[in-house]
C-alpha cells in the first residue's frame, strides 16, 4: 500500500479504505476459489493492485466514461481502477463463472456501485465502451479483433477510444501488426520495484 499512497496522494478516505479492504477479501476468497497464484497472494498490492493502476499513466477519464475489463479474472485491472475512478462505469467480464463470483462479492463488500460483473465470453459481449482494458489476457492482435465491435464511435475523452492493456516481456511481435499507431509506456520508470522491469502499458486506438 505504501507505493500506492506515494503515487496516488489525493485518494479520499473512502477510496483508501476500499483499497485496504482488498487484502483481507482476496486472501479469504483465494482460499476458496483460486483467482491469484497462491505463491503470489502476498504480493497482491505490488503485483496486482498497483499493476492495474498503471493504466492511469495513459488515461485520465472524464466522468461518465465507460470501460470494459476483458477477461478480468479475479477483478484486475477493473476493481482497482473502479476505486480510483468512481465517476466511470465498469463492466467486468470473464468466461469463468467462479471468478466472476469473486469479482461480484469483492465489489459488493467494499461498496463499489460503479461495477457490474458478468459471466460471458468476450466474443459474445455486444456492449459499446469508450475503452477496453485487459491484463495479459491474449495476444494484442487477437484482442483487437474481438473487441473492435465493442469500441464506441463517439469520443468523450482527450485520449481517443481504444484498448489499454498491460503486458510483460517481449511485446515486439504483438505490436508489429499495428506499425506506429500503438503507444508503449514502460512501467519500469513508474515505480522502482524490480518486478516492473519488463512490464508495459500498451495503448491502441481503435
N, C-alpha and C. Protein backbone atom coordinates (compact mmCIF):
# COMPACT_ATOMS: atom_id res chain seq x y z
N UNK A 1 0.81 -1.21 0.00
CA UNK A 1 0.00 0.00 0.00
C UNK A 1 0.86 1.28 0.00
N UNK A 2 2.07 1.19 0.53
CA UNK A 2 2.88 2.41 0.64
C UNK A 2 3.17 3.04 -0.72
N UNK A 3 3.46 2.21 -1.72
CA UNK A 3 3.75 2.74 -3.05
C UNK A 3 2.49 3.33 -3.68
N UNK A 4 1.35 2.75 -3.40
CA UNK A 4 0.07 3.29 -3.90
C UNK A 4 -0.18 4.65 -3.27
N UNK A 5 0.08 4.77 -1.97
CA UNK A 5 -0.10 6.05 -1.28
C UNK A 5 0.82 7.11 -1.85
N UNK A 6 2.04 6.71 -2.20
CA UNK A 6 3.00 7.66 -2.77
C UNK A 6 2.56 8.14 -4.15
N UNK A 7 2.09 7.20 -4.98
CA UNK A 7 1.72 7.54 -6.36
C UNK A 7 0.34 8.16 -6.48
N UNK A 8 -0.52 7.91 -5.49
CA UNK A 8 -1.89 8.44 -5.53
C UNK A 8 -2.19 9.17 -4.23
N UNK A 9 -1.55 10.32 -4.01
CA UNK A 9 -1.68 11.02 -2.73
C UNK A 9 -3.04 11.69 -2.51
N UNK A 10 -3.85 11.80 -3.57
CA UNK A 10 -5.10 12.55 -3.44
C UNK A 10 -6.33 11.67 -3.27
N UNK A 11 -6.12 10.39 -2.98
CA UNK A 11 -7.26 9.49 -2.79
C UNK A 11 -8.04 9.88 -1.53
N UNK A 12 -9.36 9.71 -1.58
CA UNK A 12 -10.20 10.05 -0.44
C UNK A 12 -10.11 8.98 0.64
N UNK A 13 -10.66 9.27 1.80
CA UNK A 13 -10.68 8.31 2.90
C UNK A 13 -11.42 7.04 2.48
N UNK A 14 -12.53 7.20 1.77
CA UNK A 14 -13.29 6.04 1.31
C UNK A 14 -12.48 5.20 0.33
N UNK A 15 -11.81 5.84 -0.62
CA UNK A 15 -11.00 5.11 -1.60
C UNK A 15 -9.88 4.34 -0.92
N UNK A 16 -9.24 4.95 0.07
CA UNK A 16 -8.16 4.27 0.80
C UNK A 16 -8.71 3.08 1.57
N UNK A 17 -9.87 3.25 2.17
CA UNK A 17 -10.49 2.14 2.91
C UNK A 17 -10.85 0.99 1.97
N UNK A 18 -11.34 1.34 0.78
CA UNK A 18 -11.69 0.30 -0.19
C UNK A 18 -10.45 -0.47 -0.65
N UNK A 19 -9.38 0.26 -0.92
CA UNK A 19 -8.13 -0.39 -1.34
C UNK A 19 -7.57 -1.26 -0.23
N UNK A 20 -7.59 -0.75 1.00
CA UNK A 20 -7.05 -1.51 2.13
C UNK A 20 -7.85 -2.77 2.40
N UNK A 21 -9.16 -2.74 2.11
CA UNK A 21 -10.02 -3.90 2.35
C UNK A 21 -9.73 -5.05 1.38
N UNK A 22 -9.12 -4.75 0.24
CA UNK A 22 -8.87 -5.79 -0.77
C UNK A 22 -7.96 -6.90 -0.25
N UNK A 23 -7.00 -6.56 0.59
CA UNK A 23 -6.05 -7.55 1.08
C UNK A 23 -6.73 -8.72 1.76
N UNK A 24 -7.56 -8.43 2.75
CA UNK A 24 -8.24 -9.49 3.50
C UNK A 24 -9.28 -10.20 2.64
N UNK A 25 -9.97 -9.44 1.80
CA UNK A 25 -11.00 -10.05 0.94
C UNK A 25 -10.41 -11.06 -0.03
N UNK A 26 -9.34 -10.67 -0.70
CA UNK A 26 -8.74 -11.60 -1.68
C UNK A 26 -8.05 -12.77 -0.99
N UNK A 27 -7.46 -12.53 0.17
CA UNK A 27 -6.84 -13.64 0.91
C UNK A 27 -7.89 -14.68 1.27
N UNK A 28 -9.06 -14.20 1.69
CA UNK A 28 -10.15 -15.11 2.07
C UNK A 28 -10.72 -15.85 0.85
N UNK A 29 -11.04 -15.10 -0.20
CA UNK A 29 -11.64 -15.72 -1.38
C UNK A 29 -10.67 -16.65 -2.10
N UNK A 30 -9.40 -16.32 -2.05
CA UNK A 30 -8.41 -17.12 -2.77
C UNK A 30 -8.25 -18.52 -2.17
N UNK A 31 -8.64 -18.66 -0.90
CA UNK A 31 -8.61 -19.99 -0.27
C UNK A 31 -9.74 -20.87 -0.79
N UNK A 32 -10.82 -20.22 -1.26
CA UNK A 32 -11.99 -20.96 -1.76
C UNK A 32 -11.92 -21.14 -3.27
N UNK A 33 -11.57 -20.07 -3.96
CA UNK A 33 -11.51 -20.06 -5.43
C UNK A 33 -10.18 -19.42 -5.84
N UNK A 34 -9.36 -20.18 -6.52
CA UNK A 34 -8.01 -19.70 -6.83
C UNK A 34 -8.02 -18.70 -7.99
N UNK A 35 -8.05 -17.41 -7.64
CA UNK A 35 -8.04 -16.37 -8.67
C UNK A 35 -6.67 -15.69 -8.80
N UNK A 36 -5.83 -15.89 -7.78
CA UNK A 36 -4.46 -15.36 -7.79
C UNK A 36 -3.55 -16.51 -7.39
N UNK A 37 -2.41 -16.62 -8.03
CA UNK A 37 -1.47 -17.69 -7.68
C UNK A 37 -1.22 -17.69 -6.18
N UNK A 38 -1.29 -18.88 -5.58
CA UNK A 38 -1.12 -18.99 -4.12
C UNK A 38 0.24 -18.43 -3.69
N UNK A 39 1.24 -18.56 -4.58
CA UNK A 39 2.57 -18.04 -4.26
C UNK A 39 2.61 -16.52 -4.31
N UNK A 40 1.62 -15.94 -5.00
CA UNK A 40 1.67 -14.50 -5.28
C UNK A 40 0.67 -13.69 -4.46
N UNK A 41 -0.15 -14.36 -3.65
CA UNK A 41 -1.18 -13.63 -2.92
C UNK A 41 -0.57 -12.61 -1.95
N UNK A 42 0.63 -12.90 -1.44
CA UNK A 42 1.29 -11.95 -0.53
C UNK A 42 1.75 -10.69 -1.27
N UNK A 43 1.80 -10.76 -2.59
CA UNK A 43 2.18 -9.60 -3.41
C UNK A 43 0.96 -8.94 -4.05
N UNK A 44 -0.20 -9.11 -3.42
CA UNK A 44 -1.44 -8.60 -4.00
C UNK A 44 -1.33 -7.12 -4.40
N UNK A 45 -0.82 -6.31 -3.49
CA UNK A 45 -0.78 -4.87 -3.76
C UNK A 45 0.29 -4.50 -4.78
N UNK A 46 1.47 -5.08 -4.67
CA UNK A 46 2.56 -4.69 -5.57
C UNK A 46 2.42 -5.29 -6.97
N UNK A 47 1.89 -6.51 -7.08
CA UNK A 47 1.85 -7.19 -8.38
C UNK A 47 0.47 -7.17 -9.05
N UNK A 48 -0.57 -6.80 -8.33
CA UNK A 48 -1.91 -6.87 -8.90
C UNK A 48 -2.64 -5.52 -8.81
N UNK A 49 -2.75 -4.98 -7.61
CA UNK A 49 -3.46 -3.70 -7.45
C UNK A 49 -2.68 -2.57 -8.11
N UNK A 50 -1.41 -2.42 -7.75
CA UNK A 50 -0.59 -1.35 -8.33
C UNK A 50 -0.43 -1.53 -9.83
N UNK A 51 -0.24 -2.77 -10.27
CA UNK A 51 -0.11 -3.05 -11.70
C UNK A 51 -1.37 -2.60 -12.45
N UNK A 52 -2.53 -2.88 -11.89
CA UNK A 52 -3.79 -2.45 -12.50
C UNK A 52 -3.86 -0.94 -12.63
N UNK A 53 -3.39 -0.26 -11.59
CA UNK A 53 -3.46 1.21 -11.57
C UNK A 53 -2.47 1.87 -12.53
N UNK A 54 -1.56 1.08 -13.10
CA UNK A 54 -0.63 1.63 -14.07
C UNK A 54 -1.35 2.20 -15.29
N UNK A 55 -2.59 1.76 -15.53
CA UNK A 55 -3.36 2.27 -16.66
C UNK A 55 -3.60 3.77 -16.52
N UNK A 56 -3.53 4.28 -15.30
CA UNK A 56 -3.69 5.73 -15.09
C UNK A 56 -2.54 6.52 -15.71
N UNK A 57 -1.47 5.83 -16.10
CA UNK A 57 -0.35 6.52 -16.75
C UNK A 57 -0.74 7.06 -18.13
N UNK A 58 -1.75 6.45 -18.74
CA UNK A 58 -2.15 6.87 -20.09
C UNK A 58 -3.50 7.58 -20.11
N UNK A 59 -4.34 7.29 -19.12
CA UNK A 59 -5.72 7.76 -19.18
C UNK A 59 -6.12 8.51 -17.92
N UNK A 60 -6.76 9.66 -18.12
CA UNK A 60 -7.38 10.43 -17.03
C UNK A 60 -8.81 10.70 -17.48
N UNK A 61 -9.71 9.75 -17.27
CA UNK A 61 -11.04 9.82 -17.90
C UNK A 61 -11.97 10.85 -17.28
N UNK A 62 -12.85 11.38 -18.13
CA UNK A 62 -13.88 12.29 -17.64
C UNK A 62 -15.00 11.48 -17.01
N UNK A 63 -15.83 12.15 -16.22
CA UNK A 63 -16.97 11.48 -15.60
C UNK A 63 -17.88 10.92 -16.69
N UNK A 64 -18.40 9.73 -16.44
CA UNK A 64 -19.30 9.10 -17.40
C UNK A 64 -18.61 8.18 -18.39
N UNK A 65 -17.29 8.11 -18.35
CA UNK A 65 -16.55 7.21 -19.24
C UNK A 65 -16.92 5.76 -18.94
N UNK A 66 -17.12 4.97 -19.99
CA UNK A 66 -17.46 3.56 -19.82
C UNK A 66 -16.28 2.69 -20.21
N UNK A 67 -16.00 1.68 -19.37
CA UNK A 67 -14.82 0.85 -19.55
C UNK A 67 -15.18 -0.62 -19.42
N UNK A 68 -14.74 -1.42 -20.38
CA UNK A 68 -14.92 -2.86 -20.35
C UNK A 68 -13.62 -3.52 -19.93
N UNK A 69 -13.66 -4.31 -18.87
CA UNK A 69 -12.50 -5.10 -18.45
C UNK A 69 -12.68 -6.49 -19.05
N UNK A 70 -11.89 -6.78 -20.08
CA UNK A 70 -12.00 -8.01 -20.86
C UNK A 70 -11.15 -9.11 -20.22
N UNK A 71 -11.79 -10.20 -19.79
CA UNK A 71 -11.05 -11.28 -19.14
C UNK A 71 -10.52 -10.85 -17.79
N UNK A 72 -11.40 -10.34 -16.96
CA UNK A 72 -11.00 -9.71 -15.69
C UNK A 72 -10.38 -10.66 -14.68
N UNK A 73 -10.61 -11.97 -14.83
CA UNK A 73 -10.08 -12.90 -13.84
C UNK A 73 -10.69 -12.63 -12.48
N UNK A 74 -9.85 -12.32 -11.51
CA UNK A 74 -10.33 -12.00 -10.16
C UNK A 74 -10.71 -10.55 -9.97
N UNK A 75 -10.69 -9.76 -11.06
CA UNK A 75 -11.10 -8.36 -10.94
C UNK A 75 -10.00 -7.36 -11.24
N UNK A 76 -9.01 -7.81 -12.01
CA UNK A 76 -7.88 -6.92 -12.35
C UNK A 76 -7.75 -6.76 -13.86
N UNK A 77 -7.68 -5.53 -14.33
CA UNK A 77 -7.46 -4.27 -13.60
C UNK A 77 -8.73 -3.56 -13.14
N UNK A 78 -9.91 -4.13 -13.40
CA UNK A 78 -11.16 -3.40 -13.20
C UNK A 78 -11.45 -2.90 -11.80
N UNK A 79 -11.28 -3.76 -10.79
CA UNK A 79 -11.63 -3.36 -9.42
C UNK A 79 -10.77 -2.18 -8.93
N UNK A 80 -9.44 -2.24 -9.01
CA UNK A 80 -8.65 -1.09 -8.55
C UNK A 80 -8.97 0.19 -9.34
N UNK A 81 -9.18 0.06 -10.66
CA UNK A 81 -9.49 1.25 -11.46
C UNK A 81 -10.85 1.82 -11.07
N UNK A 82 -11.81 0.96 -10.77
CA UNK A 82 -13.13 1.44 -10.37
C UNK A 82 -13.08 2.20 -9.04
N UNK A 83 -12.13 1.82 -8.20
CA UNK A 83 -11.96 2.53 -6.92
C UNK A 83 -11.41 3.93 -7.16
N UNK A 84 -10.39 4.06 -8.00
CA UNK A 84 -9.76 5.37 -8.20
C UNK A 84 -10.52 6.25 -9.19
N UNK A 85 -11.40 5.64 -10.01
CA UNK A 85 -12.23 6.40 -10.94
C UNK A 85 -13.71 6.15 -10.65
N UNK A 86 -14.21 6.64 -9.52
CA UNK A 86 -15.59 6.34 -9.11
C UNK A 86 -16.67 6.93 -10.02
N UNK A 87 -16.31 7.91 -10.84
CA UNK A 87 -17.31 8.52 -11.71
C UNK A 87 -17.37 7.86 -13.09
N UNK A 88 -16.61 6.78 -13.28
CA UNK A 88 -16.66 5.99 -14.51
C UNK A 88 -17.43 4.70 -14.25
N UNK A 89 -17.99 4.14 -15.31
CA UNK A 89 -18.72 2.88 -15.16
C UNK A 89 -17.89 1.73 -15.73
N UNK A 90 -17.89 0.61 -15.02
CA UNK A 90 -17.07 -0.53 -15.40
C UNK A 90 -17.93 -1.78 -15.58
N UNK A 91 -17.64 -2.51 -16.66
CA UNK A 91 -18.25 -3.82 -16.88
C UNK A 91 -17.11 -4.83 -16.92
N UNK A 92 -17.07 -5.71 -15.94
CA UNK A 92 -16.02 -6.72 -15.83
C UNK A 92 -16.56 -8.05 -16.32
N UNK A 93 -15.92 -8.62 -17.35
CA UNK A 93 -16.41 -9.88 -17.90
C UNK A 93 -15.31 -10.95 -17.88
N UNK A 94 -15.77 -12.19 -17.77
CA UNK A 94 -14.84 -13.32 -17.82
C UNK A 94 -15.62 -14.57 -18.18
N UNK A 95 -14.95 -15.49 -18.85
CA UNK A 95 -15.59 -16.72 -19.27
C UNK A 95 -15.67 -17.77 -18.18
N UNK A 96 -15.07 -17.50 -17.01
CA UNK A 96 -15.10 -18.43 -15.89
C UNK A 96 -16.03 -17.90 -14.80
N UNK A 97 -17.11 -18.61 -14.57
CA UNK A 97 -18.13 -18.16 -13.64
C UNK A 97 -17.65 -18.00 -12.21
N UNK A 98 -16.76 -18.89 -11.76
CA UNK A 98 -16.26 -18.82 -10.39
C UNK A 98 -15.51 -17.51 -10.14
N UNK A 99 -14.77 -17.08 -11.15
CA UNK A 99 -14.01 -15.84 -11.00
C UNK A 99 -14.94 -14.63 -10.93
N UNK A 100 -15.99 -14.65 -11.74
CA UNK A 100 -16.96 -13.56 -11.71
C UNK A 100 -17.68 -13.50 -10.37
N UNK A 101 -17.88 -14.63 -9.75
CA UNK A 101 -18.49 -14.64 -8.41
C UNK A 101 -17.61 -13.89 -7.42
N UNK A 102 -16.30 -14.15 -7.49
CA UNK A 102 -15.37 -13.45 -6.61
C UNK A 102 -15.42 -11.94 -6.87
N UNK A 103 -15.38 -11.56 -8.14
CA UNK A 103 -15.44 -10.14 -8.50
C UNK A 103 -16.69 -9.48 -7.93
N UNK A 104 -17.83 -10.12 -8.12
CA UNK A 104 -19.10 -9.56 -7.63
C UNK A 104 -19.10 -9.40 -6.12
N UNK A 105 -18.60 -10.41 -5.42
CA UNK A 105 -18.60 -10.37 -3.96
C UNK A 105 -17.62 -9.33 -3.42
N UNK A 106 -16.46 -9.20 -4.06
CA UNK A 106 -15.48 -8.19 -3.63
C UNK A 106 -16.04 -6.78 -3.85
N UNK A 107 -16.62 -6.55 -5.02
CA UNK A 107 -17.20 -5.23 -5.32
C UNK A 107 -18.31 -4.88 -4.33
N UNK A 108 -19.13 -5.87 -4.03
CA UNK A 108 -20.24 -5.67 -3.08
C UNK A 108 -19.71 -5.37 -1.68
N UNK A 109 -18.67 -6.11 -1.27
CA UNK A 109 -18.13 -5.96 0.08
C UNK A 109 -17.54 -4.58 0.34
N UNK A 110 -16.97 -3.97 -0.69
CA UNK A 110 -16.36 -2.64 -0.49
C UNK A 110 -17.26 -1.51 -0.97
N UNK A 111 -18.47 -1.86 -1.38
CA UNK A 111 -19.45 -0.83 -1.74
C UNK A 111 -19.19 -0.15 -3.08
N UNK A 112 -18.64 -0.89 -4.03
CA UNK A 112 -18.42 -0.30 -5.37
C UNK A 112 -19.73 -0.31 -6.13
N UNK A 113 -20.25 0.85 -6.42
CA UNK A 113 -21.54 0.95 -7.12
C UNK A 113 -21.37 1.18 -8.62
N UNK A 114 -20.13 1.35 -9.08
CA UNK A 114 -19.89 1.64 -10.49
C UNK A 114 -19.36 0.42 -11.24
N UNK A 115 -19.57 -0.78 -10.66
CA UNK A 115 -19.07 -2.02 -11.26
C UNK A 115 -20.21 -3.01 -11.44
N UNK A 116 -20.25 -3.64 -12.62
CA UNK A 116 -21.09 -4.83 -12.79
C UNK A 116 -20.21 -5.92 -13.38
N UNK A 117 -20.47 -7.14 -12.97
CA UNK A 117 -19.64 -8.27 -13.40
C UNK A 117 -20.53 -9.31 -14.06
N UNK A 118 -20.10 -9.80 -15.22
CA UNK A 118 -20.91 -10.74 -15.99
C UNK A 118 -20.08 -11.92 -16.44
N UNK A 119 -20.66 -13.10 -16.30
CA UNK A 119 -20.03 -14.34 -16.79
C UNK A 119 -20.39 -14.47 -18.27
N UNK A 120 -19.46 -14.07 -19.12
CA UNK A 120 -19.70 -14.09 -20.57
C UNK A 120 -18.35 -14.12 -21.29
N UNK A 121 -18.31 -14.79 -22.41
CA UNK A 121 -17.10 -14.76 -23.23
C UNK A 121 -17.04 -13.44 -23.98
N UNK A 122 -15.81 -12.96 -24.19
CA UNK A 122 -15.64 -11.67 -24.86
C UNK A 122 -16.25 -11.62 -26.24
N UNK A 123 -16.23 -12.75 -26.94
CA UNK A 123 -16.80 -12.80 -28.29
C UNK A 123 -18.30 -12.54 -28.28
N UNK A 124 -18.94 -12.83 -27.14
CA UNK A 124 -20.40 -12.70 -27.04
C UNK A 124 -20.84 -11.34 -26.51
N UNK A 125 -19.93 -10.58 -25.95
CA UNK A 125 -20.27 -9.27 -25.40
C UNK A 125 -20.54 -8.28 -26.53
N UNK A 126 -21.68 -7.60 -26.46
CA UNK A 126 -22.10 -6.71 -27.54
C UNK A 126 -22.14 -5.23 -27.16
N UNK A 127 -21.87 -4.91 -25.91
CA UNK A 127 -21.94 -3.52 -25.46
C UNK A 127 -20.88 -2.63 -26.08
N UNK A 128 -21.14 -1.33 -26.04
CA UNK A 128 -20.20 -0.33 -26.56
C UNK A 128 -19.56 0.43 -25.40
N UNK A 129 -18.26 0.64 -25.50
CA UNK A 129 -17.49 1.26 -24.42
C UNK A 129 -16.47 2.23 -24.99
N UNK A 130 -16.06 3.19 -24.15
CA UNK A 130 -15.01 4.12 -24.56
C UNK A 130 -13.66 3.41 -24.63
N UNK A 131 -13.42 2.54 -23.64
CA UNK A 131 -12.14 1.83 -23.60
C UNK A 131 -12.34 0.38 -23.20
N UNK A 132 -11.45 -0.45 -23.70
CA UNK A 132 -11.34 -1.83 -23.24
C UNK A 132 -10.00 -1.96 -22.54
N UNK A 133 -10.00 -2.48 -21.32
CA UNK A 133 -8.75 -2.69 -20.58
C UNK A 133 -8.56 -4.20 -20.37
N UNK A 134 -7.31 -4.63 -20.28
CA UNK A 134 -7.04 -6.04 -20.02
C UNK A 134 -5.65 -6.20 -19.46
N UNK A 135 -5.43 -7.37 -18.87
CA UNK A 135 -4.13 -7.65 -18.28
C UNK A 135 -3.64 -9.00 -18.80
N UNK A 136 -2.84 -8.95 -19.87
CA UNK A 136 -2.20 -10.16 -20.42
C UNK A 136 -3.18 -11.30 -20.67
N UNK A 137 -4.34 -10.98 -21.23
CA UNK A 137 -5.37 -12.00 -21.49
C UNK A 137 -5.02 -12.84 -22.71
N UNK A 138 -4.59 -12.16 -23.78
CA UNK A 138 -4.28 -12.84 -25.04
C UNK A 138 -3.42 -11.92 -25.88
N UNK A 139 -2.82 -12.42 -26.96
CA UNK A 139 -2.02 -11.54 -27.83
C UNK A 139 -2.84 -10.35 -28.32
N UNK A 140 -2.19 -9.21 -28.43
CA UNK A 140 -2.87 -7.97 -28.80
C UNK A 140 -3.66 -8.07 -30.12
N UNK A 141 -3.13 -8.68 -31.19
CA UNK A 141 -3.92 -8.77 -32.42
C UNK A 141 -5.24 -9.53 -32.23
N UNK A 142 -5.21 -10.59 -31.42
CA UNK A 142 -6.44 -11.34 -31.16
C UNK A 142 -7.42 -10.51 -30.35
N UNK A 143 -6.91 -9.82 -29.34
CA UNK A 143 -7.75 -8.97 -28.51
C UNK A 143 -8.41 -7.87 -29.34
N UNK A 144 -7.62 -7.23 -30.20
CA UNK A 144 -8.14 -6.15 -31.04
C UNK A 144 -9.23 -6.67 -31.98
N UNK A 145 -9.02 -7.85 -32.52
CA UNK A 145 -10.02 -8.43 -33.44
C UNK A 145 -11.35 -8.67 -32.73
N UNK A 146 -11.29 -9.14 -31.49
CA UNK A 146 -12.52 -9.47 -30.76
C UNK A 146 -13.24 -8.22 -30.26
N UNK A 147 -12.50 -7.24 -29.73
CA UNK A 147 -13.16 -6.11 -29.07
C UNK A 147 -13.42 -4.91 -29.98
N UNK A 148 -12.99 -5.01 -31.23
CA UNK A 148 -13.23 -3.88 -32.14
C UNK A 148 -14.71 -3.50 -32.17
N UNK A 149 -15.57 -4.50 -32.10
CA UNK A 149 -17.01 -4.30 -32.13
C UNK A 149 -17.53 -3.57 -30.89
N UNK A 150 -16.73 -3.56 -29.81
CA UNK A 150 -17.17 -3.00 -28.53
C UNK A 150 -16.72 -1.56 -28.29
N UNK A 151 -15.91 -1.02 -29.20
CA UNK A 151 -15.41 0.35 -29.02
C UNK A 151 -16.41 1.34 -29.60
N UNK A 152 -16.89 2.25 -28.75
CA UNK A 152 -17.87 3.26 -29.18
C UNK A 152 -17.24 4.22 -30.18
N UNK A 153 -18.06 4.73 -31.08
CA UNK A 153 -17.56 5.69 -32.07
C UNK A 153 -17.53 7.11 -31.53
N UNK A 154 -18.42 7.42 -30.60
CA UNK A 154 -18.46 8.75 -30.02
C UNK A 154 -17.31 8.95 -29.04
N UNK A 155 -16.62 10.08 -29.17
CA UNK A 155 -15.46 10.37 -28.33
C UNK A 155 -15.85 11.34 -27.22
N UNK A 156 -15.37 11.06 -25.99
CA UNK A 156 -15.65 12.00 -24.90
C UNK A 156 -14.40 12.38 -24.11
N UNK A 157 -13.29 11.68 -24.39
CA UNK A 157 -12.04 11.93 -23.67
C UNK A 157 -10.97 12.49 -24.60
N UNK A 158 -9.94 13.09 -24.00
CA UNK A 158 -8.82 13.59 -24.79
C UNK A 158 -8.10 12.44 -25.49
N UNK A 159 -8.01 11.30 -24.82
CA UNK A 159 -7.39 10.11 -25.41
C UNK A 159 -8.44 9.39 -26.25
N UNK A 160 -8.22 9.25 -27.57
CA UNK A 160 -9.21 8.58 -28.41
C UNK A 160 -9.55 7.18 -27.91
N UNK A 161 -10.78 6.78 -28.13
CA UNK A 161 -11.25 5.47 -27.68
C UNK A 161 -10.34 4.35 -28.19
N UNK A 162 -10.20 3.30 -27.38
CA UNK A 162 -9.35 2.20 -27.81
C UNK A 162 -9.08 1.20 -26.71
N UNK A 163 -7.96 0.49 -26.85
CA UNK A 163 -7.56 -0.58 -25.94
C UNK A 163 -6.38 -0.12 -25.09
N UNK A 164 -6.43 -0.44 -23.81
CA UNK A 164 -5.32 -0.21 -22.89
C UNK A 164 -5.01 -1.55 -22.23
N UNK A 165 -3.87 -2.14 -22.54
CA UNK A 165 -3.58 -3.46 -21.98
C UNK A 165 -2.20 -3.49 -21.33
N UNK A 166 -2.11 -4.29 -20.29
CA UNK A 166 -0.88 -4.46 -19.53
C UNK A 166 -0.20 -5.74 -19.97
N UNK A 167 1.07 -5.63 -20.31
CA UNK A 167 1.82 -6.77 -20.84
C UNK A 167 3.21 -6.83 -20.22
N UNK A 168 3.83 -8.01 -20.35
CA UNK A 168 5.19 -8.18 -19.86
C UNK A 168 6.05 -8.91 -20.87
N UNK A 169 7.37 -8.77 -20.73
CA UNK A 169 8.29 -9.49 -21.61
C UNK A 169 8.44 -8.85 -22.98
N UNK A 170 8.76 -9.67 -23.97
CA UNK A 170 8.98 -9.19 -25.33
C UNK A 170 7.64 -9.00 -26.03
N UNK A 171 7.28 -7.76 -26.31
CA UNK A 171 5.98 -7.46 -26.91
C UNK A 171 6.11 -7.06 -28.38
N UNK A 172 7.31 -7.18 -28.94
CA UNK A 172 7.54 -6.70 -30.31
C UNK A 172 6.67 -7.41 -31.33
N UNK A 173 6.50 -8.72 -31.20
CA UNK A 173 5.70 -9.47 -32.18
C UNK A 173 4.23 -9.06 -32.10
N UNK A 174 3.75 -8.79 -30.88
CA UNK A 174 2.34 -8.42 -30.71
C UNK A 174 2.03 -7.05 -31.28
N UNK A 175 2.96 -6.14 -31.14
CA UNK A 175 2.70 -4.76 -31.57
C UNK A 175 3.06 -4.53 -33.04
N UNK A 176 3.83 -5.44 -33.63
CA UNK A 176 4.29 -5.27 -35.02
C UNK A 176 3.15 -5.05 -36.01
N UNK A 177 2.02 -5.77 -35.92
CA UNK A 177 0.96 -5.58 -36.91
C UNK A 177 0.35 -4.19 -36.90
N UNK A 178 0.57 -3.45 -35.83
CA UNK A 178 -0.05 -2.13 -35.72
C UNK A 178 0.92 -1.00 -36.04
N UNK A 179 2.10 -1.37 -36.55
CA UNK A 179 3.09 -0.41 -37.02
C UNK A 179 3.32 0.68 -35.98
N UNK A 180 3.02 1.92 -36.34
CA UNK A 180 3.35 3.03 -35.44
C UNK A 180 2.15 3.61 -34.71
N UNK A 181 1.03 2.91 -34.69
CA UNK A 181 -0.15 3.51 -34.06
C UNK A 181 -0.27 3.18 -32.58
N UNK A 182 0.51 2.20 -32.09
CA UNK A 182 0.47 1.91 -30.66
C UNK A 182 1.37 2.86 -29.89
N UNK A 183 0.98 3.13 -28.65
CA UNK A 183 1.85 3.86 -27.73
C UNK A 183 2.26 2.88 -26.64
N UNK A 184 3.54 2.72 -26.42
CA UNK A 184 4.05 1.76 -25.44
C UNK A 184 4.72 2.51 -24.30
N UNK A 185 4.21 2.31 -23.09
CA UNK A 185 4.73 3.00 -21.93
C UNK A 185 5.43 1.99 -21.02
N UNK A 186 6.76 2.05 -20.89
CA UNK A 186 7.46 1.16 -19.96
C UNK A 186 7.08 1.53 -18.52
N UNK A 187 6.81 0.53 -17.70
CA UNK A 187 6.41 0.80 -16.33
C UNK A 187 7.59 0.80 -15.36
N UNK A 188 8.77 0.50 -15.88
CA UNK A 188 9.97 0.45 -15.02
C UNK A 188 10.28 1.82 -14.41
N UNK A 189 9.93 2.88 -15.11
CA UNK A 189 10.20 4.22 -14.59
C UNK A 189 9.11 4.75 -13.67
N UNK A 190 8.02 4.03 -13.58
CA UNK A 190 6.87 4.47 -12.77
C UNK A 190 7.09 4.16 -11.29
N UNK A 191 7.63 2.97 -11.04
CA UNK A 191 7.88 2.53 -9.67
C UNK A 191 9.23 1.79 -9.65
N UNK A 192 9.99 1.90 -8.57
CA UNK A 192 11.31 1.26 -8.53
C UNK A 192 11.28 -0.26 -8.36
N UNK A 193 10.12 -0.84 -8.12
CA UNK A 193 10.01 -2.29 -7.91
C UNK A 193 10.57 -3.03 -9.12
N UNK A 194 11.51 -3.95 -8.87
CA UNK A 194 12.17 -4.71 -9.94
C UNK A 194 11.17 -5.53 -10.77
N UNK A 195 10.05 -5.89 -10.17
CA UNK A 195 9.04 -6.70 -10.86
C UNK A 195 8.53 -6.00 -12.12
N UNK A 196 8.61 -4.68 -12.14
CA UNK A 196 8.09 -3.88 -13.26
C UNK A 196 9.12 -3.67 -14.37
N UNK A 197 10.27 -4.29 -14.24
CA UNK A 197 11.39 -4.02 -15.16
C UNK A 197 11.02 -4.27 -16.61
N UNK A 198 10.29 -5.34 -16.92
CA UNK A 198 9.89 -5.64 -18.30
C UNK A 198 8.37 -5.65 -18.42
N UNK A 199 7.73 -4.70 -17.75
CA UNK A 199 6.27 -4.57 -17.81
C UNK A 199 5.93 -3.31 -18.61
N UNK A 200 4.86 -3.42 -19.39
CA UNK A 200 4.48 -2.31 -20.28
C UNK A 200 2.98 -2.07 -20.27
N UNK A 201 2.62 -0.83 -20.53
CA UNK A 201 1.23 -0.47 -20.81
C UNK A 201 1.16 -0.15 -22.30
N UNK A 202 0.29 -0.83 -23.01
CA UNK A 202 0.14 -0.61 -24.45
C UNK A 202 -1.21 0.06 -24.72
N UNK A 203 -1.18 1.14 -25.44
CA UNK A 203 -2.41 1.83 -25.87
C UNK A 203 -2.56 1.67 -27.38
N UNK A 204 -3.73 1.20 -27.77
CA UNK A 204 -4.03 1.02 -29.20
C UNK A 204 -5.35 1.71 -29.50
N UNK A 205 -5.32 2.83 -30.24
CA UNK A 205 -6.59 3.48 -30.62
C UNK A 205 -7.34 2.61 -31.62
N UNK A 206 -8.64 2.58 -31.49
CA UNK A 206 -9.48 1.77 -32.39
C UNK A 206 -10.44 2.69 -33.15
